[in-house]
């Protein structure tokens, strides 16, 4: 299992135009939906996620956690472990390490 937090893995994939897993896509969609519900989507479009205050990002994170529990979505570490296992399996099948 990699020790890199899931949000950093997703950010790196987005920057390098790599495909997100279905669970990573779902997590990103939830994040954007919540930001829109809180009226932050325009701010994010203008200055990016890094322009949000700690209070705003904390609010998004808290609501994400609550929503993921309601929807029975695995925790980030479980999503990451699953992605790591898929990557390992794909590398094993192609003979690449």
PDB file of N, CA and C in Angstrom:
ATOM      1  N   UNK A   1       0.844  -1.187   0.000  1.00  0.00           N
ATOM      2  CA  UNK A   1       0.000   0.000   0.000  1.00  0.00           C
ATOM      3  C   UNK A   1       0.878   1.236   0.000  1.00  0.00           C
ATOM      4  N   UNK A   2       0.542   2.202  -0.820  1.00  0.00           N
ATOM      5  CA  UNK A   2       1.272   3.458  -0.839  1.00  0.00           C
ATOM      6  C   UNK A   2       0.903   4.303   0.367  1.00  0.00           C
ATOM      7  N   UNK A   3       1.817   5.155   0.766  1.00  0.00           N
ATOM      8  CA  UNK A   3       1.558   6.005   1.922  1.00  0.00           C
ATOM      9  C   UNK A   3       1.084   7.395   1.517  1.00  0.00           C
ATOM     10  N   UNK A   4       0.985   7.650   0.229  1.00  0.00           N
ATOM     11  CA  UNK A   4       0.539   8.945  -0.261  1.00  0.00           C
ATOM     12  C   UNK A   4      -0.966   9.081  -0.035  1.00  0.00           C
ATOM     13  N   UNK A   5      -1.410  10.191   0.580  1.00  0.00           N
ATOM     14  CA  UNK A   5      -2.846  10.381   0.798  1.00  0.00           C
ATOM     15  C   UNK A   5      -3.619  10.386  -0.521  1.00  0.00           C
ATOM     16  N   UNK A   6      -4.843   9.875  -0.471  1.00  0.00           N
ATOM     17  CA  UNK A   6      -5.669   9.748  -1.668  1.00  0.00           C
ATOM     18  C   UNK A   6      -5.840  11.074  -2.387  1.00  0.00           C
ATOM     19  N   UNK A   7      -6.057  12.160  -1.649  1.00  0.00           N
ATOM     20  CA  UNK A   7      -6.280  13.442  -2.315  1.00  0.00           C
ATOM     21  C   UNK A   7      -5.057  13.874  -3.121  1.00  0.00           C
ATOM     22  N   UNK A   8      -3.854  13.523  -2.670  1.00  0.00           N
ATOM     23  CA  UNK A   8      -2.651  13.853  -3.431  1.00  0.00           C
ATOM     24  C   UNK A   8      -2.519  12.959  -4.661  1.00  0.00           C
ATOM     25  N   UNK A   9      -2.922  11.712  -4.533  1.00  0.00           N
ATOM     26  CA  UNK A   9      -2.900  10.796  -5.678  1.00  0.00           C
ATOM     27  C   UNK A   9      -3.847  11.306  -6.762  1.00  0.00           C
ATOM     28  N   UNK A  10      -5.050  11.700  -6.351  1.00  0.00           N
ATOM     29  CA  UNK A  10      -6.037  12.219  -7.306  1.00  0.00           C
ATOM     30  C   UNK A  10      -5.528  13.494  -7.961  1.00  0.00           C
ATOM     31  N   UNK A  11      -4.942  14.391  -7.169  1.00  0.00           N
ATOM     32  CA  UNK A  11      -4.416  15.647  -7.715  1.00  0.00           C
ATOM     33  C   UNK A  11      -3.332  15.369  -8.754  1.00  0.00           C
ATOM     34  N   UNK A  12      -2.447  14.435  -8.459  1.00  0.00           N
ATOM     35  CA  UNK A  12      -1.376  14.089  -9.397  1.00  0.00           C
ATOM     36  C   UNK A  12      -1.945  13.484 -10.678  1.00  0.00           C
ATOM     37  N   UNK A  13      -2.954  12.641 -10.533  1.00  0.00           N
ATOM     38  CA  UNK A  13      -3.577  12.041 -11.714  1.00  0.00           C
ATOM     39  C   UNK A  13      -4.247  13.107 -12.577  1.00  0.00           C
ATOM     40  N   UNK A  14      -4.919  14.051 -11.941  1.00  0.00           N
ATOM     41  CA  UNK A  14      -5.593  15.101 -12.696  1.00  0.00           C
ATOM     42  C   UNK A  14      -4.582  15.974 -13.436  1.00  0.00           C
ATOM     43  N   UNK A  15      -3.460  16.281 -12.770  1.00  0.00           N
ATOM     44  CA  UNK A  15      -2.433  17.102 -13.408  1.00  0.00           C
ATOM     45  C   UNK A  15      -1.798  16.400 -14.600  1.00  0.00           C
ATOM     46  N   UNK A  16      -1.644  15.091 -14.515  1.00  0.00           N
ATOM     47  CA  UNK A  16      -0.975  14.353 -15.590  1.00  0.00           C
ATOM     48  C   UNK A  16      -1.963  13.707 -16.563  1.00  0.00           C
ATOM     49  N   UNK A  17      -3.241  14.083 -16.438  1.00  0.00           N
ATOM     50  CA  UNK A  17      -4.293  13.577 -17.331  1.00  0.00           C
ATOM     51  C   UNK A  17      -4.419  12.054 -17.310  1.00  0.00           C
ATOM     52  N   UNK A  18      -4.133  11.432 -16.156  1.00  0.00           N
ATOM     53  CA  UNK A  18      -4.330   9.988 -16.024  1.00  0.00           C
ATOM     54  C   UNK A  18      -5.761   9.715 -15.585  1.00  0.00           C
ATOM     55  N   UNK A  19      -6.246   8.547 -15.935  1.00  0.00           N
ATOM     56  CA  UNK A  19      -7.626   8.140 -15.638  1.00  0.00           C
ATOM     57  C   UNK A  19      -7.803   7.898 -14.140  1.00  0.00           C
ATOM     58  N   UNK A  20      -8.885   8.448 -13.586  1.00  0.00           N
ATOM     59  CA  UNK A  20      -9.247   8.183 -12.197  1.00  0.00           C
ATOM     60  C   UNK A  20     -10.057   6.898 -12.126  1.00  0.00           C
ATOM     61  N   UNK A  21      -9.960   6.190 -10.994  1.00  0.00           N
ATOM     62  CA  UNK A  21     -10.809   5.028 -10.794  1.00  0.00           C
ATOM     63  C   UNK A  21     -12.242   5.511 -10.567  1.00  0.00           C
ATOM     64  N   UNK A  22     -13.189   4.609 -10.631  1.00  0.00           N
ATOM     65  CA  UNK A  22     -14.592   4.986 -10.409  1.00  0.00           C
ATOM     66  C   UNK A  22     -14.799   5.586  -9.025  1.00  0.00           C
ATOM     67  N   UNK A  23     -14.141   5.021  -8.019  1.00  0.00           N
ATOM     68  CA  UNK A  23     -14.293   5.538  -6.657  1.00  0.00           C
ATOM     69  C   UNK A  23     -13.654   6.924  -6.523  1.00  0.00           C
ATOM     70  N   UNK A  24     -12.532   7.145  -7.191  1.00  0.00           N
ATOM     71  CA  UNK A  24     -11.896   8.464  -7.161  1.00  0.00           C
ATOM     72  C   UNK A  24     -12.779   9.497  -7.854  1.00  0.00           C
ATOM     73  N   UNK A  25     -13.397   9.099  -8.974  1.00  0.00           N
ATOM     74  CA  UNK A  25     -14.315   9.991  -9.680  1.00  0.00           C
ATOM     75  C   UNK A  25     -15.507  10.347  -8.799  1.00  0.00           C
ATOM     76  N   UNK A  26     -16.046   9.338  -8.114  1.00  0.00           N
ATOM     77  CA  UNK A  26     -17.186   9.568  -7.232  1.00  0.00           C
ATOM     78  C   UNK A  26     -16.819  10.554  -6.128  1.00  0.00           C
ATOM     79  N   UNK A  27     -15.644  10.374  -5.535  1.00  0.00           N
ATOM     80  CA  UNK A  27     -15.172  11.260  -4.467  1.00  0.00           C
ATOM     81  C   UNK A  27     -15.057  12.697  -4.983  1.00  0.00           C
ATOM     82  N   UNK A  28     -14.492  12.872  -6.164  1.00  0.00           N
ATOM     83  CA  UNK A  28     -14.353  14.199  -6.748  1.00  0.00           C
ATOM     84  C   UNK A  28     -15.722  14.813  -7.047  1.00  0.00           C
ATOM     85  N   UNK A  29     -16.645  14.019  -7.565  1.00  0.00           N
ATOM     86  CA  UNK A  29     -17.991  14.528  -7.856  1.00  0.00           C
ATOM     87  C   UNK A  29     -18.688  14.999  -6.592  1.00  0.00           C
ATOM     88  N   UNK A  30     -18.552  14.230  -5.518  1.00  0.00           N
ATOM     89  CA  UNK A  30     -19.164  14.617  -4.245  1.00  0.00           C
ATOM     90  C   UNK A  30     -18.570  15.936  -3.765  1.00  0.00           C
ATOM     91  N   UNK A  31     -17.257  16.065  -3.875  1.00  0.00           N
ATOM     92  CA  UNK A  31     -16.575  17.291  -3.434  1.00  0.00           C
ATOM     93  C   UNK A  31     -17.100  18.503  -4.198  1.00  0.00           C
ATOM     94  N   UNK A  32     -17.223  18.378  -5.513  1.00  0.00           N
ATOM     95  CA  UNK A  32     -17.713  19.500  -6.317  1.00  0.00           C
ATOM     96  C   UNK A  32     -19.181  19.806  -6.022  1.00  0.00           C
ATOM     97  N   UNK A  33     -19.991  18.766  -5.816  1.00  0.00           N
ATOM     98  CA  UNK A  33     -21.404  18.984  -5.485  1.00  0.00           C
ATOM     99  C   UNK A  33     -21.538  19.765  -4.184  1.00  0.00           C
ATOM    100  N   UNK A  34     -20.765  19.386  -3.184  1.00  0.00           N
ATOM    101  CA  UNK A  34     -20.830  20.060  -1.887  1.00  0.00           C
ATOM    102  C   UNK A  34     -20.369  21.504  -2.017  1.00  0.00           C
ATOM    103  N   UNK A  35     -19.282  21.720  -2.746  1.00  0.00           N
ATOM    104  CA  UNK A  35     -18.789  23.082  -2.949  1.00  0.00           C
ATOM    105  C   UNK A  35     -19.867  23.946  -3.611  1.00  0.00           C
ATOM    106  N   UNK A  36     -20.571  23.363  -4.573  1.00  0.00           N
ATOM    107  CA  UNK A  36     -21.641  24.096  -5.248  1.00  0.00           C
ATOM    108  C   UNK A  36     -22.788  24.394  -4.279  1.00  0.00           C
ATOM    109  N   UNK A  37     -23.161  23.411  -3.462  1.00  0.00           N
ATOM    110  CA  UNK A  37     -24.234  23.608  -2.487  1.00  0.00           C
ATOM    111  C   UNK A  37     -23.890  24.715  -1.487  1.00  0.00           C
ATOM    112  N   UNK A  38     -22.599  24.852  -1.170  1.00  0.00           N
ATOM    113  CA  UNK A  38     -22.154  25.871  -0.221  1.00  0.00           C
ATOM    114  C   UNK A  38     -21.909  27.220  -0.890  1.00  0.00           C
ATOM    115  N   UNK A  39     -22.126  27.286  -2.201  1.00  0.00           N
ATOM    116  CA  UNK A  39     -21.935  28.536  -2.923  1.00  0.00           C
ATOM    117  C   UNK A  39     -20.469  28.869  -3.176  1.00  0.00           C
ATOM    118  N   UNK A  40     -19.616  27.859  -3.226  1.00  0.00           N
ATOM    119  CA  UNK A  40     -18.184  28.084  -3.392  1.00  0.00           C
ATOM    120  C   UNK A  40     -17.677  27.767  -4.793  1.00  0.00           C
ATOM    121  N   UNK A  41     -18.535  27.277  -5.674  1.00  0.00           N
ATOM    122  CA  UNK A  41     -18.064  26.837  -6.989  1.00  0.00           C
ATOM    123  C   UNK A  41     -17.490  27.991  -7.807  1.00  0.00           C
ATOM    124  N   UNK A  42     -18.076  29.164  -7.713  1.00  0.00           N
ATOM    125  CA  UNK A  42     -17.562  30.308  -8.465  1.00  0.00           C
ATOM    126  C   UNK A  42     -16.167  30.699  -7.967  1.00  0.00           C
ATOM    127  N   UNK A  43     -15.989  30.693  -6.658  1.00  0.00           N
ATOM    128  CA  UNK A  43     -14.686  31.012  -6.068  1.00  0.00           C
ATOM    129  C   UNK A  43     -13.636  29.982  -6.505  1.00  0.00           C
ATOM    130  N   UNK A  44     -14.019  28.710  -6.523  1.00  0.00           N
ATOM    131  CA  UNK A  44     -13.102  27.641  -6.933  1.00  0.00           C
ATOM    132  C   UNK A  44     -12.740  27.798  -8.404  1.00  0.00           C
ATOM    133  N   UNK A  45     -13.704  28.138  -9.243  1.00  0.00           N
ATOM    134  CA  UNK A  45     -13.445  28.339 -10.666  1.00  0.00           C
ATOM    135  C   UNK A  45     -12.486  29.510 -10.905  1.00  0.00           C
ATOM    136  N   UNK A  46     -12.623  30.549 -10.090  1.00  0.00           N
ATOM    137  CA  UNK A  46     -11.801  31.748 -10.272  1.00  0.00           C
ATOM    138  C   UNK A  46     -10.384  31.591  -9.740  1.00  0.00           C
ATOM    139  N   UNK A  47     -10.253  31.055  -8.510  1.00  0.00           N
ATOM    140  CA  UNK A  47      -8.917  31.018  -7.897  1.00  0.00           C
ATOM    141  C   UNK A  47      -8.442  29.630  -7.510  1.00  0.00           C
ATOM    142  N   UNK A  48      -9.273  28.627  -7.697  1.00  0.00           N
ATOM    143  CA  UNK A  48      -8.864  27.250  -7.405  1.00  0.00           C
ATOM    144  C   UNK A  48      -9.119  26.837  -5.967  1.00  0.00           C
ATOM    145  N   UNK A  49      -8.923  25.545  -5.715  1.00  0.00           N
ATOM    146  CA  UNK A  49      -9.171  24.983  -4.390  1.00  0.00           C
ATOM    147  C   UNK A  49      -8.260  25.591  -3.337  1.00  0.00           C
ATOM    148  N   UNK A  50      -7.048  25.958  -3.728  1.00  0.00           N
ATOM    149  CA  UNK A  50      -6.095  26.495  -2.753  1.00  0.00           C
ATOM    150  C   UNK A  50      -6.507  27.878  -2.253  1.00  0.00           C
ATOM    151  N   UNK A  51      -7.455  28.509  -2.914  1.00  0.00           N
ATOM    152  CA  UNK A  51      -7.925  29.819  -2.499  1.00  0.00           C
ATOM    153  C   UNK A  51      -9.005  29.768  -1.430  1.00  0.00           C
ATOM    154  N   UNK A  52      -9.437  28.572  -1.067  1.00  0.00           N
ATOM    155  CA  UNK A  52     -10.452  28.441  -0.029  1.00  0.00           C
ATOM    156  C   UNK A  52      -9.831  28.608   1.351  1.00  0.00           C
ATOM    157  N   UNK A  53     -10.615  29.108   2.278  1.00  0.00           N
ATOM    158  CA  UNK A  53     -10.140  29.239   3.655  1.00  0.00           C
ATOM    159  C   UNK A  53     -10.173  27.875   4.339  1.00  0.00           C
ATOM    160  N   UNK A  54      -9.504  27.794   5.477  1.00  0.00           N
ATOM    161  CA  UNK A  54      -9.514  26.552   6.249  1.00  0.00           C
ATOM    162  C   UNK A  54     -10.934  26.201   6.680  1.00  0.00           C
ATOM    163  N   UNK A  55     -11.704  27.210   7.008  1.00  0.00           N
ATOM    164  CA  UNK A  55     -13.094  26.975   7.404  1.00  0.00           C
ATOM    165  C   UNK A  55     -13.901  26.373   6.253  1.00  0.00           C
ATOM    166  N   UNK A  56     -13.706  26.902   5.061  1.00  0.00           N
ATOM    167  CA  UNK A  56     -14.441  26.408   3.897  1.00  0.00           C
ATOM    168  C   UNK A  56     -14.039  24.980   3.544  1.00  0.00           C
ATOM    169  N   UNK A  57     -12.741  24.706   3.535  1.00  0.00           N
ATOM    170  CA  UNK A  57     -12.307  23.343   3.214  1.00  0.00           C
ATOM    171  C   UNK A  57     -12.723  22.370   4.307  1.00  0.00           C
ATOM    172  N   UNK A  58     -12.693  22.821   5.548  1.00  0.00           N
ATOM    173  CA  UNK A  58     -13.150  21.974   6.653  1.00  0.00           C
ATOM    174  C   UNK A  58     -14.622  21.648   6.548  1.00  0.00           C
ATOM    175  N   UNK A  59     -15.391  22.629   6.149  1.00  0.00           N
ATOM    176  CA  UNK A  59     -16.835  22.406   5.978  1.00  0.00           C
ATOM    177  C   UNK A  59     -17.084  21.400   4.862  1.00  0.00           C
ATOM    178  N   UNK A  60     -16.375  21.555   3.740  1.00  0.00           N
ATOM    179  CA  UNK A  60     -16.518  20.605   2.634  1.00  0.00           C
ATOM    180  C   UNK A  60     -16.123  19.207   3.091  1.00  0.00           C
ATOM    181  N   UNK A  61     -14.983  19.097   3.781  1.00  0.00           N
ATOM    182  CA  UNK A  61     -14.511  17.790   4.256  1.00  0.00           C
ATOM    183  C   UNK A  61     -15.476  17.136   5.226  1.00  0.00           C
ATOM    184  N   UNK A  62     -16.035  17.921   6.130  1.00  0.00           N
ATOM    185  CA  UNK A  62     -16.987  17.379   7.091  1.00  0.00           C
ATOM    186  C   UNK A  62     -18.247  16.858   6.431  1.00  0.00           C
ATOM    187  N   UNK A  63     -18.759  17.624   5.486  1.00  0.00           N
ATOM    188  CA  UNK A  63     -19.964  17.198   4.774  1.00  0.00           C
ATOM    189  C   UNK A  63     -19.652  15.988   3.901  1.00  0.00           C
ATOM    190  N   UNK A  64     -18.456  15.965   3.299  1.00  0.00           N
ATOM    191  CA  UNK A  64     -18.063  14.805   2.489  1.00  0.00           C
ATOM    192  C   UNK A  64     -18.048  13.540   3.335  1.00  0.00           C
ATOM    193  N   UNK A  65     -17.469  13.635   4.515  1.00  0.00           N
ATOM    194  CA  UNK A  65     -17.402  12.474   5.413  1.00  0.00           C
ATOM    195  C   UNK A  65     -18.800  11.987   5.760  1.00  0.00           C
ATOM    196  N   UNK A  66     -19.675  12.916   6.110  1.00  0.00           N
ATOM    197  CA  UNK A  66     -21.053  12.562   6.455  1.00  0.00           C
ATOM    198  C   UNK A  66     -21.765  11.917   5.261  1.00  0.00           C
ATOM    199  N   UNK A  67     -21.610  12.511   4.088  1.00  0.00           N
ATOM    200  CA  UNK A  67     -22.288  12.000   2.894  1.00  0.00           C
ATOM    201  C   UNK A  67     -21.749  10.627   2.491  1.00  0.00           C
ATOM    202  N   UNK A  68     -20.429  10.449   2.602  1.00  0.00           N
ATOM    203  CA  UNK A  68     -19.841   9.156   2.255  1.00  0.00           C
ATOM    204  C   UNK A  68     -20.356   8.060   3.181  1.00  0.00           C
ATOM    205  N   UNK A  69     -20.556   8.391   4.457  1.00  0.00           N
ATOM    206  CA  UNK A  69     -21.121   7.409   5.394  1.00  0.00           C
ATOM    207  C   UNK A  69     -22.559   7.076   5.011  1.00  0.00           C
ATOM    208  N   UNK A  70     -23.332   8.097   4.668  1.00  0.00           N
ATOM    209  CA  UNK A  70     -24.730   7.886   4.280  1.00  0.00           C
ATOM    210  C   UNK A  70     -24.839   7.023   3.030  1.00  0.00           C
ATOM    211  N   UNK A  71     -23.908   7.204   2.096  1.00  0.00           N
ATOM    212  CA  UNK A  71     -23.937   6.470   0.830  1.00  0.00           C
ATOM    213  C   UNK A  71     -23.141   5.158   0.895  1.00  0.00           C
ATOM    214  N   UNK A  72     -22.582   4.875   2.076  1.00  0.00           N
ATOM    215  CA  UNK A  72     -21.777   3.658   2.281  1.00  0.00           C
ATOM    216  C   UNK A  72     -20.591   3.584   1.322  1.00  0.00           C
ATOM    217  N   UNK A  73     -19.936   4.727   1.151  1.00  0.00           N
ATOM    218  CA  UNK A  73     -18.730   4.799   0.312  1.00  0.00           C
ATOM    219  C   UNK A  73     -17.537   4.498   1.212  1.00  0.00           C
ATOM    220  N   UNK A  74     -16.601   3.683   0.743  1.00  0.00           N
ATOM    221  CA  UNK A  74     -15.441   3.339   1.574  1.00  0.00           C
ATOM    222  C   UNK A  74     -14.628   4.572   1.969  1.00  0.00           C
ATOM    223  N   UNK A  75     -13.874   4.428   3.050  1.00  0.00           N
ATOM    224  CA  UNK A  75     -12.977   5.491   3.492  1.00  0.00           C
ATOM    225  C   UNK A  75     -11.862   5.660   2.471  1.00  0.00           C
ATOM    226  N   UNK A  76     -11.216   6.829   2.496  1.00  0.00           N
ATOM    227  CA  UNK A  76     -10.143   7.111   1.537  1.00  0.00           C
ATOM    228  C   UNK A  76      -9.060   6.046   1.554  1.00  0.00           C
ATOM    229  N   UNK A  77      -8.681   5.593   2.734  1.00  0.00           N
ATOM    230  CA  UNK A  77      -7.614   4.588   2.833  1.00  0.00           C
ATOM    231  C   UNK A  77      -8.044   3.284   2.163  1.00  0.00           C
ATOM    232  N   UNK A  78      -9.310   2.932   2.266  1.00  0.00           N
ATOM    233  CA  UNK A  78      -9.815   1.721   1.621  1.00  0.00           C
ATOM    234  C   UNK A  78      -9.850   1.879   0.098  1.00  0.00           C
ATOM    235  N   UNK A  79     -10.215   3.083  -0.365  1.00  0.00           N
ATOM    236  CA  UNK A  79     -10.196   3.357  -1.801  1.00  0.00           C
ATOM    237  C   UNK A  79      -8.764   3.247  -2.308  1.00  0.00           C
ATOM    238  N   UNK A  80      -7.827   3.828  -1.560  1.00  0.00           N
ATOM    239  CA  UNK A  80      -6.419   3.799  -1.950  1.00  0.00           C
ATOM    240  C   UNK A  80      -5.892   2.369  -1.978  1.00  0.00           C
ATOM    241  N   UNK A  81      -6.223   1.581  -0.956  1.00  0.00           N
ATOM    242  CA  UNK A  81      -5.768   0.190  -0.910  1.00  0.00           C
ATOM    243  C   UNK A  81      -6.292  -0.593  -2.107  1.00  0.00           C
ATOM    244  N   UNK A  82      -7.551  -0.360  -2.463  1.00  0.00           N
ATOM    245  CA  UNK A  82      -8.146  -1.044  -3.610  1.00  0.00           C
ATOM    246  C   UNK A  82      -7.442  -0.646  -4.904  1.00  0.00           C
ATOM    247  N   UNK A  83      -7.146   0.642  -5.059  1.00  0.00           N
ATOM    248  CA  UNK A  83      -6.443   1.114  -6.253  1.00  0.00           C
ATOM    249  C   UNK A  83      -5.042   0.527  -6.309  1.00  0.00           C
ATOM    250  N   UNK A  84      -4.363   0.454  -5.165  1.00  0.00           N
ATOM    251  CA  UNK A  84      -3.022  -0.132  -5.128  1.00  0.00           C
ATOM    252  C   UNK A  84      -3.059  -1.600  -5.539  1.00  0.00           C
ATOM    253  N   UNK A  85      -4.080  -2.321  -5.071  1.00  0.00           N
ATOM    254  CA  UNK A  85      -4.206  -3.742  -5.418  1.00  0.00           C
ATOM    255  C   UNK A  85      -4.489  -3.906  -6.916  1.00  0.00           C
ATOM    256  N   UNK A  86      -5.317  -3.028  -7.492  1.00  0.00           N
ATOM    257  CA  UNK A  86      -5.603  -3.090  -8.923  1.00  0.00           C
ATOM    258  C   UNK A  86      -4.344  -2.817  -9.734  1.00  0.00           C
ATOM    259  N   UNK A  87      -3.567  -1.801  -9.316  1.00  0.00           N
ATOM    260  CA  UNK A  87      -2.322  -1.484 -10.019  1.00  0.00           C
ATOM    261  C   UNK A  87      -1.338  -2.642  -9.940  1.00  0.00           C
ATOM    262  N   UNK A  88      -1.234  -3.266  -8.762  1.00  0.00           N
ATOM    263  CA  UNK A  88      -0.329  -4.399  -8.590  1.00  0.00           C
ATOM    264  C   UNK A  88      -0.761  -5.562  -9.481  1.00  0.00           C
ATOM    265  N   UNK A  89      -2.074  -5.817  -9.519  1.00  0.00           N
ATOM    266  CA  UNK A  89      -2.599  -6.917 -10.331  1.00  0.00           C
ATOM    267  C   UNK A  89      -2.327  -6.676 -11.812  1.00  0.00           C
ATOM    268  N   UNK A  90      -2.536  -5.426 -12.271  1.00  0.00           N
ATOM    269  CA  UNK A  90      -2.288  -5.103 -13.673  1.00  0.00           C
ATOM    270  C   UNK A  90      -0.808  -5.260 -14.019  1.00  0.00           C
ATOM    271  N   UNK A  91       0.083  -4.828 -13.126  1.00  0.00           N
ATOM    272  CA  UNK A  91       1.517  -4.949 -13.363  1.00  0.00           C
ATOM    273  C   UNK A  91       1.928  -6.426 -13.373  1.00  0.00           C
ATOM    274  N   UNK A  92       1.317  -7.212 -12.505  1.00  0.00           N
ATOM    275  CA  UNK A  92       1.644  -8.638 -12.453  1.00  0.00           C
ATOM    276  C   UNK A  92       1.243  -9.349 -13.744  1.00  0.00           C
ATOM    277  N   UNK A  93       0.106  -8.954 -14.296  1.00  0.00           N
ATOM    278  CA  UNK A  93      -0.391  -9.586 -15.517  1.00  0.00           C
ATOM    279  C   UNK A  93       0.448  -9.194 -16.736  1.00  0.00           C
ATOM    280  N   UNK A  94       1.002  -7.977 -16.727  1.00  0.00           N
ATOM    281  CA  UNK A  94       1.805  -7.549 -17.870  1.00  0.00           C
ATOM    282  C   UNK A  94       3.274  -7.842 -17.679  1.00  0.00           C
ATOM    283  N   UNK A  95       3.650  -8.272 -16.470  1.00  0.00           N
ATOM    284  CA  UNK A  95       5.050  -8.587 -16.184  1.00  0.00           C
ATOM    285  C   UNK A  95       5.902  -7.384 -15.871  1.00  0.00           C
ATOM    286  N   UNK A  96       5.281  -6.235 -15.664  1.00  0.00           N
ATOM    287  CA  UNK A  96       6.008  -5.000 -15.325  1.00  0.00           C
ATOM    288  C   UNK A  96       5.964  -4.792 -13.822  1.00  0.00           C
ATOM    289  N   UNK A  97       7.039  -4.310 -13.255  1.00  0.00           N
ATOM    290  CA  UNK A  97       7.064  -4.004 -11.815  1.00  0.00           C
ATOM    291  C   UNK A  97       7.522  -2.617 -11.574  1.00  0.00           C
TER     292      UNK A  97
END
